[in-house]
């Protein structure tokens, strides 16, 4: 079997050709080969070479290609040419593993390198001319939608416990039918070892899983085997997640992993999960805002109430809450009402409150906490008027408040 390079622009791109020619014996490996066989878009192009990283760097440099030692201790360098970057990894074999990291040795044996990879569908290689090299049953499993470990599942998992989560992530993306029984049994048996993994690695795998077209069925299996509670404890709202995914699919929306995570959680749980997974500040803020208490979203909101909520919450958090509320609502509620809320958020322009703290102090309110209190009271009146109170009227109210103090 082979891939036709003419059908895949990433294979014939000048940058790809330059890197492959410089490395001579190189082969594409993993996701690029897998996705090409499935006819799915290829984002990242990984390359394997039967030589130590130092030799790979020498060859690339001789061809005028810049290299970055992104993972040199594991045999990986990044080749940068034009606007593209390629991860180039030397063939390896594991010398020692502890479930989190491995001590490796370099080899020139392609089959040996294949045997240390996680799943058969990821142990596929292709030459620049498209010829496929399959050292197990990768092509067969890919066509059948089977996600199976290379060799014994328990052995592969013991080498890196993150592979438990990767099993579910890859099944969510590429699997058909039931999850491989031997793999599932091995993953469940080692589930308590997930706590040894870094939060960042766990979060990355889980968010990639949540980006799959239909993550719900896989998450339900994870929950039933006790695996999900190891990385996301608490009572989860699977029904809301599945409905959110369904609504997104109907609207042709790109999967939003963070919003899907919010759909699983309860009000007020955003900060805890963001801390546990060590999410970025931006993701933490968004998750907290989506799950904050207080203001409620309903499909029958009046236009003035929508504008008030948009002002108080902000456009992004409002949109997120609309999506979550819609996913939790009875199916009998008309979709048009929810879509109108989304449309209002898209076209809304935030009005500017005309007074400032300086105006309050100029009216005679002494500097300090009182300034904020007066300003907040006036802004609330302005919001409740549907932003119709004009500056002159607000200044009159300010004068009255200042005189009363």
Foldseek 3Di string as FASTA:
>chain_A
DFQAVVVPVVLVPPVNVLLQVLQVQKWWFFPVLLCSLVVHDDDATEIEHQDALVVSCVSCVVSVWDWAPPPNQQQWIWTDDDPDIYIYGAQWAFPDAAQADTRIDGGNDLLRSLLLDFWQLRSWIAHSNTDIDRNDCNVVCQVQQATHTRPQLLVSCRRHVLVLLVQLQSSLARHDDDHDPRNLVSNLVCLLCVVVYALQSVVVSQLSLQQRLANLVSVVSCVVSVNVCSLPNDQWDSQLLRLLSVVCVVVVHRRDSLLSVLLGDAAPCLQVNCVSSVPDPVSSVLSNLLRHDDDADDLPDDPLVLLLCCQVSPLSSQLSNLSSVVSVDDPPDDPVSSVVSNVCSVPDDHDDDPDDLVLLVVLPDDPDPVSVVLVVVLVVVCSVVSNPDDPVNSSVVSNVVNVVD
